[in-house]
Amino acid sequence: MNTHIALLPASEGISLLAPAKINLALHVTGRREDGYHLLESLVAFAEFGDQIDVSPAAQDRFVVTGPFAHAIPSDASNLVLRARDALRSRFPSRAGAVEIVLEKRLPIASGIGGGSSDAAAALIALNRLWGLDLGMPALCDIGLSLGADLPMCLHGQQTGRPLIARGIGETLHTMPRFPSLPMVLANDGTGLSTPLVFRALLRRDNPPLPSPPDFADIGTVCAYLRETRNDLYAASLTLAPGLGGLLGLFVQSGALYAQMSGSGATCFAIFSDRAAAADAAAFLKARHPQWFVVATETKPASE
């Protein structure tokens, strides 16, 4: 796999999708002395997400648009700006002023990696715009300094391939074969703090993921997922009891499998095809028009 992102600087703007990161399964297997939790997670990336546009400018500018723009900080605490500044601090002579426009389509604090995916897209776009020619290992090192989800989101940006993440999220194994999963994402407006969810965990030394099979089709994926867990679900449920009802609605809508993603509160459901996913999304929207609900599909992997 080619680990280089770009060879020449881009003279014009770069536009990238920052896909939703779906934790199809998430096992908490331990905790390091520094407080970081050890995880094993099967991750897929959706065709739906935020949008990042980066272009040269006379001076730095950061603009946030989209349905969830109101909830996004525009100061130095924003992960996109932290990614820009982390890259610039390493290459100050080559990192010119830029305008970054973030179209925020994903709800925040929702367990689908929106902020991390945005930052990963910004790193890849700026690497190209500034002509830095950094490979994936170097970008992952920078990303990991910003957050444990950044390496997997960077790989999701580069390949889109589903992967298993281990450690604190830095050890990645991409799937050689994995089908596209028709899916619905839904969030009832609840935002959950990841640190609070981890604090509510009753057990941190859970069994690891089962050995993955050859993921030849959707049925194989769902059969495997039924043998897995999201170890954060019970903890999240103590903070957001409505999650159980959301999963129940997925069952009513004919889902093959449904679970919470990450630390919540976004839940996902897998369906047999795009039409079934679209019908389920309409089913949820009719009952809860104020919810975030989207029918999408995850990116596949093929040998």
C-alpha atoms as a PDB file:
ATOM      1  CA  MET A   1       0.000   0.000   0.000  1.00  0.00           C
ATOM      2  CA  ASN A   2       1.391   3.404  -0.923  1.00  0.00           C
ATOM      3  CA  THR A   3       1.911   5.385   2.269  1.00  0.00           C
ATOM      4  CA  HIS A   4       2.531   8.735   0.576  1.00  0.00           C
ATOM      5  CA  ILE A   5      -0.388  11.135   0.354  1.00  0.00           C
ATOM      6  CA  ALA A   6       0.890  13.692  -2.167  1.00  0.00           C
ATOM      7  CA  LEU A   7       4.026  14.583  -4.111  1.00  0.00           C
ATOM      8  CA  LEU A   8       3.396  18.180  -5.155  1.00  0.00           C
ATOM      9  CA  PRO A   9       1.693  21.122  -3.477  1.00  0.00           C
ATOM     10  CA  ALA A  10      -1.824  21.853  -4.598  1.00  0.00           C
ATOM     11  CA  SER A  11      -2.320  25.253  -6.235  1.00  0.00           C
ATOM     12  CA  GLU A  12      -6.044  25.331  -5.607  1.00  0.00           C
ATOM     13  CA  GLY A  13      -8.407  24.290  -2.858  1.00  0.00           C
ATOM     14  CA  ILE A  14      -8.856  20.724  -1.672  1.00  0.00           C
ATOM     15  CA  SER A  15     -12.210  19.285  -0.661  1.00  0.00           C
ATOM     16  CA  LEU A  16     -12.494  16.068   1.351  1.00  0.00           C
ATOM     17  CA  LEU A  17     -15.271  14.080   2.979  1.00  0.00           C
ATOM     18  CA  ALA A  18     -14.673  13.433   6.674  1.00  0.00           C
ATOM     19  CA  PRO A  19     -16.657  10.197   6.998  1.00  0.00           C
ATOM     20  CA  ALA A  20     -18.556   9.045  10.053  1.00  0.00           C
ATOM     21  CA  LYS A  21     -16.538   6.379  11.874  1.00  0.00           C
ATOM     22  CA  ILE A  22     -18.738   3.504  12.988  1.00  0.00           C
ATOM     23  CA  ASN A  23     -17.598   1.260  15.835  1.00  0.00           C
ATOM     24  CA  LEU A  24     -19.374  -1.925  14.781  1.00  0.00           C
ATOM     25  CA  ALA A  25     -18.007  -3.609  17.923  1.00  0.00           C
ATOM     26  CA  LEU A  26     -16.013  -2.156  20.801  1.00  0.00           C
ATOM     27  CA  HIS A  27     -14.407  -4.254  23.540  1.00  0.00           C
ATOM     28  CA  VAL A  28     -12.648  -2.606  26.490  1.00  0.00           C
ATOM     29  CA  THR A  29      -9.867  -5.025  27.427  1.00  0.00           C
ATOM     30  CA  GLY A  30      -7.791  -3.148  29.994  1.00  0.00           C
ATOM     31  CA  ARG A  31      -6.389   0.133  31.208  1.00  0.00           C
ATOM     32  CA  ARG A  32      -2.840   1.472  31.074  1.00  0.00           C
ATOM     33  CA  GLU A  33      -1.100   3.095  34.012  1.00  0.00           C
ATOM     34  CA  ASP A  34      -1.459   6.492  32.326  1.00  0.00           C
ATOM     35  CA  GLY A  35      -5.252   6.103  32.351  1.00  0.00           C
ATOM     36  CA  TYR A  36      -5.772   5.307  28.674  1.00  0.00           C
ATOM     37  CA  HIS A  37      -8.121   2.397  28.077  1.00  0.00           C
ATOM     38  CA  LEU A  38      -7.079  -0.549  25.939  1.00  0.00           C
ATOM     39  CA  LEU A  39      -9.616  -1.328  23.241  1.00  0.00           C
ATOM     40  CA  GLU A  40     -10.363  -3.725  20.440  1.00  0.00           C
ATOM     41  CA  SER A  41     -12.792  -2.343  17.898  1.00  0.00           C
ATOM     42  CA  LEU A  42     -14.101  -3.309  14.478  1.00  0.00           C
ATOM     43  CA  VAL A  43     -14.493  -0.038  12.594  1.00  0.00           C
ATOM     44  CA  ALA A  44     -16.113   0.898   9.290  1.00  0.00           C
ATOM     45  CA  PHE A  45     -16.386   4.264   7.546  1.00  0.00           C
ATOM     46  CA  ALA A  46     -19.617   5.638   6.102  1.00  0.00           C
ATOM     47  CA  GLU A  47     -20.246   7.370   2.810  1.00  0.00           C
ATOM     48  CA  PHE A  48     -21.851  10.176   4.844  1.00  0.00           C
ATOM     49  CA  GLY A  49     -19.931  12.677   6.937  1.00  0.00           C
ATOM     50  CA  ASP A  50     -18.701  16.211   7.340  1.00  0.00           C
ATOM     51  CA  GLN A  51     -17.044  18.184   4.552  1.00  0.00           C
ATOM     52  CA  ILE A  52     -13.637  19.894   4.810  1.00  0.00           C
ATOM     53  CA  ASP A  53     -12.528  22.498   2.249  1.00  0.00           C
ATOM     54  CA  VAL A  54      -8.990  23.895   2.496  1.00  0.00           C
ATOM     55  CA  SER A  55      -7.548  26.593   0.241  1.00  0.00           C
ATOM     56  CA  PRO A  56      -4.658  29.115   0.241  1.00  0.00           C
ATOM     57  CA  ALA A  57      -5.535  32.476   1.758  1.00  0.00           C
ATOM     58  CA  ALA A  58      -4.026  35.843   2.623  1.00  0.00           C
ATOM     59  CA  GLN A  59      -4.542  35.054   6.305  1.00  0.00           C
ATOM     60  CA  ASP A  60      -5.831  32.132   8.334  1.00  0.00           C
ATOM     61  CA  ARG A  61      -9.604  31.803   8.422  1.00  0.00           C
ATOM     62  CA  PHE A  62     -11.885  29.120   9.860  1.00  0.00           C
ATOM     63  CA  VAL A  63     -15.554  28.946   8.865  1.00  0.00           C
ATOM     64  CA  VAL A  64     -18.102  26.437  10.156  1.00  0.00           C
ATOM     65  CA  THR A  65     -21.396  25.842   8.351  1.00  0.00           C
ATOM     66  CA  GLY A  66     -23.993  23.078   8.309  1.00  0.00           C
ATOM     67  CA  PRO A  67     -26.797  21.862  10.580  1.00  0.00           C
ATOM     68  CA  PHE A  68     -24.531  21.332  13.610  1.00  0.00           C
ATOM     69  CA  ALA A  69     -22.332  24.417  13.186  1.00  0.00           C
ATOM     70  CA  HIS A  70     -23.826  26.080  16.257  1.00  0.00           C
ATOM     71  CA  ALA A  71     -22.267  23.466  18.539  1.00  0.00           C
ATOM     72  CA  ILE A  72     -18.717  23.730  17.172  1.00  0.00           C
ATOM     73  CA  PRO A  73     -16.064  25.886  18.883  1.00  0.00           C
ATOM     74  CA  SER A  74     -14.163  28.116  16.467  1.00  0.00           C
ATOM     75  CA  ASP A  75     -11.222  28.858  18.747  1.00  0.00           C
ATOM     76  CA  ALA A  76      -7.938  27.023  19.289  1.00  0.00           C
ATOM     77  CA  SER A  77      -9.719  24.203  21.129  1.00  0.00           C
ATOM     78  CA  ASN A  78     -11.210  22.976  17.837  1.00  0.00           C
ATOM     79  CA  LEU A  79      -9.523  19.758  16.738  1.00  0.00           C
ATOM     80  CA  VAL A  80      -9.295  20.903  13.114  1.00  0.00           C
ATOM     81  CA  LEU A  81      -7.328  23.989  14.131  1.00  0.00           C
ATOM     82  CA  ARG A  82      -5.198  21.936  16.497  1.00  0.00           C
ATOM     83  CA  ALA A  83      -4.382  19.642  13.561  1.00  0.00           C
ATOM     84  CA  ARG A  84      -3.463  22.641  11.392  1.00  0.00           C
ATOM     85  CA  ASP A  85      -1.258  24.106  14.114  1.00  0.00           C
ATOM     86  CA  ALA A  86       0.415  20.767  14.910  1.00  0.00           C
ATOM     87  CA  LEU A  87       1.389  20.329  11.261  1.00  0.00           C
ATOM     88  CA  ARG A  88       2.461  23.959  10.899  1.00  0.00           C
ATOM     89  CA  SER A  89       4.667  23.816  14.006  1.00  0.00           C
ATOM     90  CA  ARG A  90       6.737  21.095  12.315  1.00  0.00           C
ATOM     91  CA  PHE A  91       7.035  22.908   8.969  1.00  0.00           C
ATOM     92  CA  PRO A  92       6.692  26.634   9.717  1.00  0.00           C
ATOM     93  CA  SER A  93       8.518  27.774   6.575  1.00  0.00           C
ATOM     94  CA  ARG A  94       6.246  25.789   4.248  1.00  0.00           C
ATOM     95  CA  ALA A  95       2.878  26.204   5.946  1.00  0.00           C
ATOM     96  CA  GLY A  96       1.222  29.250   4.443  1.00  0.00           C
ATOM     97  CA  ALA A  97      -2.032  30.862   5.521  1.00  0.00           C
ATOM     98  CA  VAL A  98      -5.164  28.872   4.748  1.00  0.00           C
ATOM     99  CA  GLU A  99      -8.919  29.131   4.804  1.00  0.00           C
ATOM    100  CA  ILE A 100     -10.601  26.053   6.245  1.00  0.00           C
ATOM    101  CA  VAL A 101     -14.347  25.607   5.789  1.00  0.00           C
ATOM    102  CA  LEU A 102     -16.004  22.851   7.810  1.00  0.00           C
ATOM    103  CA  GLU A 103     -19.526  21.811   6.876  1.00  0.00           C
ATOM    104  CA  LYS A 104     -20.713  20.084  10.042  1.00  0.00           C
ATOM    105  CA  ARG A 105     -23.294  17.444   9.112  1.00  0.00           C
ATOM    106  CA  LEU A 106     -22.615  15.019  11.982  1.00  0.00           C
ATOM    107  CA  PRO A 107     -23.849  15.649  15.517  1.00  0.00           C
ATOM    108  CA  ILE A 108     -21.118  16.330  18.048  1.00  0.00           C
ATOM    109  CA  ALA A 109     -20.237  14.155  21.064  1.00  0.00           C
ATOM    110  CA  SER A 110     -22.117  11.352  19.347  1.00  0.00           C
ATOM    111  CA  GLY A 111     -19.741   8.378  19.111  1.00  0.00           C
ATOM    112  CA  ILE A 112     -19.119   8.470  15.356  1.00  0.00           C
ATOM    113  CA  GLY A 113     -15.753  10.202  15.349  1.00  0.00           C
ATOM    114  CA  GLY A 114     -16.832  13.497  13.801  1.00  0.00           C
ATOM    115  CA  GLY A 115     -14.135  15.686  15.345  1.00  0.00           C
ATOM    116  CA  SER A 116     -11.380  13.122  14.792  1.00  0.00           C
ATOM    117  CA  SER A 117     -12.449  12.513  11.212  1.00  0.00           C
ATOM    118  CA  ASP A 118     -12.527  16.278  10.573  1.00  0.00           C
ATOM    119  CA  ALA A 119      -8.997  16.623  11.948  1.00  0.00           C
ATOM    120  CA  ALA A 120      -7.768  13.663   9.878  1.00  0.00           C
ATOM    121  CA  ALA A 121      -9.212  15.213   6.721  1.00  0.00           C
ATOM    122  CA  ALA A 122      -7.555  18.522   7.596  1.00  0.00           C
ATOM    123  CA  LEU A 123      -4.151  16.847   8.090  1.00  0.00           C
ATOM    124  CA  ILE A 124      -4.365  15.053   4.743  1.00  0.00           C
ATOM    125  CA  ALA A 125      -5.602  18.148   2.897  1.00  0.00           C
ATOM    126  CA  LEU A 126      -2.914  20.402   4.395  1.00  0.00           C
ATOM    127  CA  ASN A 127      -0.202  17.814   3.751  1.00  0.00           C
ATOM    128  CA  ARG A 128      -1.098  18.073   0.079  1.00  0.00           C
ATOM    129  CA  LEU A 129      -1.760  21.813  -0.008  1.00  0.00           C
ATOM    130  CA  TRP A 130       1.608  22.603   1.574  1.00  0.00           C
ATOM    131  CA  GLY A 131       3.474  19.969  -0.470  1.00  0.00           C
ATOM    132  CA  LEU A 132       4.892  18.266   2.616  1.00  0.00           C
ATOM    133  CA  ASP A 133       4.796  14.722   1.182  1.00  0.00           C
ATOM    134  CA  LEU A 134       4.399  13.133   4.603  1.00  0.00           C
ATOM    135  CA  GLY A 135       3.619   9.423   4.560  1.00  0.00           C
ATOM    136  CA  MET A 136       0.928   7.767   6.616  1.00  0.00           C
ATOM    137  CA  PRO A 137       3.243   6.796   9.525  1.00  0.00           C
ATOM    138  CA  ALA A 138       4.301  10.423  10.028  1.00  0.00           C
ATOM    139  CA  LEU A 139       0.731  11.684   9.787  1.00  0.00           C
ATOM    140  CA  CYS A 140      -0.412   9.026  12.269  1.00  0.00           C
ATOM    141  CA  ASP A 141       2.298  10.113  14.725  1.00  0.00           C
ATOM    142  CA  ILE A 142       1.036  13.682  14.532  1.00  0.00           C
ATOM    143  CA  GLY A 143      -2.563  12.517  14.705  1.00  0.00           C
ATOM    144  CA  LEU A 144      -1.986  10.346  17.762  1.00  0.00           C
ATOM    145  CA  SER A 145      -0.668  13.399  19.609  1.00  0.00           C
ATOM    146  CA  LEU A 146      -4.103  14.958  19.059  1.00  0.00           C
ATOM    147  CA  GLY A 147      -6.300  11.973  19.915  1.00  0.00           C
ATOM    148  CA  ALA A 148      -6.417   8.185  19.951  1.00  0.00           C
ATOM    149  CA  ASP A 149      -8.996   8.062  17.118  1.00  0.00           C
ATOM    150  CA  LEU A 150      -6.850  10.018  14.655  1.00  0.00           C
ATOM    151  CA  PRO A 151      -4.753   7.134  13.245  1.00  0.00           C
ATOM    152  CA  MET A 152      -7.798   5.063  12.340  1.00  0.00           C
ATOM    153  CA  CYS A 153      -9.539   8.117  10.849  1.00  0.00           C
ATOM    154  CA  LEU A 154      -6.427   8.872   8.782  1.00  0.00           C
ATOM    155  CA  HIS A 155      -6.456   5.339   7.414  1.00  0.00           C
ATOM    156  CA  GLY A 156     -10.177   5.685   6.808  1.00  0.00           C
ATOM    157  CA  GLN A 157      -9.438   8.813   4.792  1.00  0.00           C
ATOM    158  CA  GLN A 158      -6.717   7.142   2.757  1.00  0.00           C
ATOM    159  CA  THR A 159      -8.342   3.794   1.990  1.00  0.00           C
ATOM    160  CA  GLY A 160     -11.867   3.719   3.422  1.00  0.00           C
ATOM    161  CA  ARG A 161     -11.247   0.069   4.317  1.00  0.00           C
ATOM    162  CA  PRO A 162     -12.809  -1.366   7.481  1.00  0.00           C
ATOM    163  CA  LEU A 163     -10.233  -2.180  10.145  1.00  0.00           C
ATOM    164  CA  ILE A 164      -9.666  -3.592  13.602  1.00  0.00           C
ATOM    165  CA  ALA A 165      -8.069  -1.110  16.005  1.00  0.00           C
ATOM    166  CA  ARG A 166      -6.237  -2.289  19.110  1.00  0.00           C
ATOM    167  CA  GLY A 167      -4.242  -0.723  21.921  1.00  0.00           C
ATOM    168  CA  ILE A 168      -5.495   2.812  22.504  1.00  0.00           C
ATOM    169  CA  GLY A 169      -6.418   2.935  18.821  1.00  0.00           C
ATOM    170  CA  GLU A 170      -2.960   3.136  17.275  1.00  0.00           C
ATOM    171  CA  THR A 171      -2.492  -0.518  16.219  1.00  0.00           C
ATOM    172  CA  LEU A 172      -4.494  -1.057  13.038  1.00  0.00           C
ATOM    173  CA  HIS A 173      -5.237  -4.099  10.910  1.00  0.00           C
ATOM    174  CA  THR A 174      -7.259  -3.501   7.750  1.00  0.00           C
ATOM    175  CA  MET A 175      -9.700  -6.133   6.545  1.00  0.00           C
ATOM    176  CA  PRO A 176      -8.709  -7.874   3.299  1.00  0.00           C
ATOM    177  CA  ARG A 177     -12.360  -8.404   2.412  1.00  0.00           C
ATOM    178  CA  PHE A 178     -15.460  -6.753   3.817  1.00  0.00           C
ATOM    179  CA  PRO A 179     -18.825  -5.958   2.215  1.00  0.00           C
ATOM    180  CA  SER A 180     -20.481  -2.588   2.042  1.00  0.00           C
ATOM    181  CA  LEU A 181     -23.091  -2.357   4.795  1.00  0.00           C
ATOM    182  CA  PRO A 182     -26.404  -0.541   4.097  1.00  0.00           C
ATOM    183  CA  MET A 183     -26.996   1.299   7.333  1.00  0.00           C
ATOM    184  CA  VAL A 184     -29.041   3.867   9.220  1.00  0.00           C
ATOM    185  CA  LEU A 185     -27.448   6.224  11.736  1.00  0.00           C
ATOM    186  CA  ALA A 186     -29.704   7.826  14.333  1.00  0.00           C
ATOM    187  CA  ASN A 187     -29.178  10.181  17.256  1.00  0.00           C
ATOM    188  CA  ASP A 188     -31.963  11.594  19.421  1.00  0.00           C
ATOM    189  CA  GLY A 189     -30.019  14.758  20.216  1.00  0.00           C
ATOM    190  CA  THR A 190     -28.221  13.385  23.246  1.00  0.00           C
ATOM    191  CA  GLY A 191     -24.557  14.296  23.536  1.00  0.00           C
ATOM    192  CA  LEU A 192     -22.416  12.057  25.713  1.00  0.00           C
ATOM    193  CA  SER A 193     -19.041  12.911  27.199  1.00  0.00           C
ATOM    194  CA  THR A 194     -16.608  10.099  26.401  1.00  0.00           C
ATOM    195  CA  PRO A 195     -14.663  10.553  29.678  1.00  0.00           C
ATOM    196  CA  LEU A 196     -17.911  10.341  31.665  1.00  0.00           C
ATOM    197  CA  VAL A 197     -18.922   7.170  29.829  1.00  0.00           C
ATOM    198  CA  PHE A 198     -15.579   5.521  30.554  1.00  0.00           C
ATOM    199  CA  ARG A 199     -15.860   6.636  34.173  1.00  0.00           C
ATOM    200  CA  ALA A 200     -19.207   4.830  34.405  1.00  0.00           C
ATOM    201  CA  LEU A 201     -17.698   1.520  33.263  1.00  0.00           C
ATOM    202  CA  LEU A 202     -18.116  -1.245  35.833  1.00  0.00           C
ATOM    203  CA  ARG A 203     -15.472  -3.509  34.258  1.00  0.00           C
ATOM    204  CA  ARG A 204     -12.377  -2.686  32.218  1.00  0.00           C
ATOM    205  CA  ASP A 205     -10.839  -6.141  31.676  1.00  0.00           C
ATOM    206  CA  ASN A 206     -13.322  -7.658  29.254  1.00  0.00           C
ATOM    207  CA  PRO A 207     -12.584 -10.442  26.732  1.00  0.00           C
ATOM    208  CA  PRO A 208     -11.133  -9.375  23.349  1.00  0.00           C
ATOM    209  CA  LEU A 209     -12.876  -9.559  20.002  1.00  0.00           C
ATOM    210  CA  PRO A 210     -13.458 -13.035  18.581  1.00  0.00           C
ATOM    211  CA  SER A 211     -11.104 -13.965  15.747  1.00  0.00           C
ATOM    212  CA  PRO A 212     -12.520 -12.395  12.589  1.00  0.00           C
ATOM    213  CA  PRO A 213     -13.747 -14.729   9.832  1.00  0.00           C
ATOM    214  CA  ASP A 214     -13.612 -14.100   6.109  1.00  0.00           C
ATOM    215  CA  PHE A 215     -16.188 -11.314   5.901  1.00  0.00           C
ATOM    216  CA  ALA A 216     -17.629 -12.435   2.583  1.00  0.00           C
ATOM    217  CA  ASP A 217     -21.125 -10.947   2.895  1.00  0.00           C
ATOM    218  CA  ILE A 218     -23.511  -8.997   5.108  1.00  0.00           C
ATOM    219  CA  GLY A 219     -24.829 -12.163   6.750  1.00  0.00           C
ATOM    220  CA  THR A 220     -21.322 -13.151   7.853  1.00  0.00           C
ATOM    221  CA  VAL A 221     -20.707  -9.688   9.281  1.00  0.00           C
ATOM    222  CA  CYS A 222     -23.963  -9.679  11.264  1.00  0.00           C
ATOM    223  CA  ALA A 223     -23.369 -13.223  12.564  1.00  0.00           C
ATOM    224  CA  TYR A 224     -19.935 -12.119  13.792  1.00  0.00           C
ATOM    225  CA  LEU A 225     -21.297  -8.941  15.371  1.00  0.00           C
ATOM    226  CA  ARG A 226     -23.827 -10.953  17.367  1.00  0.00           C
ATOM    227  CA  GLU A 227     -20.830 -12.563  19.082  1.00  0.00           C
ATOM    228  CA  THR A 228     -19.366  -9.170  19.975  1.00  0.00           C
ATOM    229  CA  ARG A 229     -20.289  -6.295  22.283  1.00  0.00           C
ATOM    230  CA  ASN A 230     -20.059  -2.602  22.783  1.00  0.00           C
ATOM    231  CA  ASP A 231     -18.671  -2.561  26.311  1.00  0.00           C
ATOM    232  CA  LEU A 232     -19.570   1.136  26.607  1.00  0.00           C
ATOM    233  CA  TYR A 233     -23.278   0.590  25.948  1.00  0.00           C
ATOM    234  CA  ALA A 234     -24.297  -0.278  29.533  1.00  0.00           C
ATOM    235  CA  ALA A 235     -22.321   2.685  30.876  1.00  0.00           C
ATOM    236  CA  SER A 236     -23.854   5.031  28.286  1.00  0.00           C
ATOM    237  CA  LEU A 237     -27.310   3.708  29.111  1.00  0.00           C
ATOM    238  CA  THR A 238     -26.918   4.905  32.717  1.00  0.00           C
ATOM    239  CA  LEU A 239     -26.329   8.429  31.355  1.00  0.00           C
ATOM    240  CA  ALA A 240     -28.824   8.298  28.461  1.00  0.00           C
ATOM    241  CA  PRO A 241     -31.627   5.802  29.196  1.00  0.00           C
ATOM    242  CA  GLY A 242     -33.351   6.606  25.899  1.00  0.00           C
ATOM    243  CA  LEU A 243     -30.745   4.615  23.974  1.00  0.00           C
ATOM    244  CA  GLY A 244     -32.640   1.402  24.637  1.00  0.00           C
ATOM    245  CA  GLY A 245     -35.747   2.771  22.972  1.00  0.00           C
ATOM    246  CA  LEU A 246     -33.790   3.845  19.904  1.00  0.00           C
ATOM    247  CA  LEU A 247     -32.392   0.344  19.443  1.00  0.00           C
ATOM    248  CA  GLY A 248     -35.910  -1.010  19.891  1.00  0.00           C
ATOM    249  CA  LEU A 249     -37.128   1.166  17.016  1.00  0.00           C
ATOM    250  CA  PHE A 250     -34.401  -0.261  14.819  1.00  0.00           C
ATOM    251  CA  VAL A 251     -35.627  -3.758  15.588  1.00  0.00           C
ATOM    252  CA  GLN A 252     -39.173  -2.697  14.639  1.00  0.00           C
ATOM    253  CA  SER A 253     -37.872  -1.314  11.353  1.00  0.00           C
ATOM    254  CA  GLY A 254     -36.430  -4.671  10.294  1.00  0.00           C
ATOM    255  CA  ALA A 255     -32.732  -4.252  11.090  1.00  0.00           C
ATOM    256  CA  LEU A 256     -30.466  -7.276  10.712  1.00  0.00           C
ATOM    257  CA  TYR A 257     -28.315  -5.951  13.546  1.00  0.00           C
ATOM    258  CA  ALA A 258     -28.336  -2.786  15.678  1.00  0.00           C
ATOM    259  CA  GLN A 259     -25.949  -1.377  18.263  1.00  0.00           C
ATOM    260  CA  MET A 260     -24.593   1.863  19.697  1.00  0.00           C
ATOM    261  CA  SER A 261     -21.435   3.248  18.079  1.00  0.00           C
ATOM    262  CA  GLY A 262     -18.476   4.185  20.256  1.00  0.00           C
ATOM    263  CA  SER A 263     -19.416   5.960  23.459  1.00  0.00           C
ATOM    264  CA  GLY A 264     -22.770   7.011  21.975  1.00  0.00           C
ATOM    265  CA  ALA A 265     -25.264   8.327  21.704  1.00  0.00           C
ATOM    266  CA  THR A 266     -25.497   7.602  17.957  1.00  0.00           C
ATOM    267  CA  CYS A 267     -26.777   4.127  17.153  1.00  0.00           C
ATOM    268  CA  PHE A 268     -26.513   2.243  13.885  1.00  0.00           C
ATOM    269  CA  ALA A 269     -28.532  -0.492  12.239  1.00  0.00           C
ATOM    270  CA  ILE A 270     -27.510  -2.746   9.362  1.00  0.00           C
ATOM    271  CA  PHE A 271     -30.015  -3.675   6.644  1.00  0.00           C
ATOM    272  CA  SER A 272     -30.093  -6.093   3.739  1.00  0.00           C
ATOM    273  CA  ASP A 273     -29.963  -3.383   1.067  1.00  0.00           C
ATOM    274  CA  ARG A 274     -30.152   0.369   0.477  1.00  0.00           C
ATOM    275  CA  ALA A 275     -33.916   0.321  -0.059  1.00  0.00           C
ATOM    276  CA  ALA A 276     -34.511  -1.319   3.321  1.00  0.00           C
ATOM    277  CA  ALA A 277     -32.220   1.231   4.977  1.00  0.00           C
ATOM    278  CA  ALA A 278     -34.065   4.109   3.291  1.00  0.00           C
ATOM    279  CA  ASP A 279     -37.416   2.699   4.432  1.00  0.00           C
ATOM    280  CA  ALA A 280     -36.126   2.389   7.998  1.00  0.00           C
ATOM    281  CA  ALA A 281     -34.825   5.957   7.959  1.00  0.00           C
ATOM    282  CA  ALA A 282     -38.242   7.163   6.798  1.00  0.00           C
ATOM    283  CA  PHE A 283     -39.856   5.077   9.566  1.00  0.00           C
ATOM    284  CA  LEU A 284     -37.727   6.799  12.225  1.00  0.00           C
ATOM    285  CA  LYS A 285     -38.066  10.296  10.752  1.00  0.00           C
ATOM    286  CA  ALA A 286     -41.854  10.005  10.631  1.00  0.00           C
ATOM    287  CA  ARG A 287     -41.930   9.261  14.361  1.00  0.00           C
ATOM    288  CA  HIS A 288     -39.129  11.594  15.436  1.00  0.00           C
ATOM    289  CA  PRO A 289     -38.649  14.364  12.864  1.00  0.00           C
ATOM    290  CA  GLN A 290     -36.317  16.274  15.192  1.00  0.00           C
ATOM    291  CA  TRP A 291     -33.771  13.436  15.399  1.00  0.00           C
ATOM    292  CA  PHE A 292     -30.618  13.113  13.322  1.00  0.00           C
ATOM    293  CA  VAL A 293     -31.403  10.194  11.007  1.00  0.00           C
ATOM    294  CA  VAL A 294     -29.550   9.298   7.823  1.00  0.00           C
ATOM    295  CA  ALA A 295     -29.482   6.263   5.541  1.00  0.00           C
ATOM    296  CA  THR A 296     -25.991   5.582   4.246  1.00  0.00           C
ATOM    297  CA  GLU A 297     -23.616   2.758   3.389  1.00  0.00           C
ATOM    298  CA  THR A 298     -20.178   1.850   4.671  1.00  0.00           C
ATOM    299  CA  LYS A 299     -17.177   1.592   2.394  1.00  0.00           C
ATOM    300  CA  PRO A 300     -16.163  -1.960   1.442  1.00  0.00           C
ATOM    301  CA  ALA A 301     -12.846  -3.731   1.159  1.00  0.00           C
ATOM    302  CA  SER A 302     -11.931  -6.212  -1.552  1.00  0.00           C
ATOM    303  CA  GLU A 303      -8.903  -8.422  -2.002  1.00  0.00           C
END
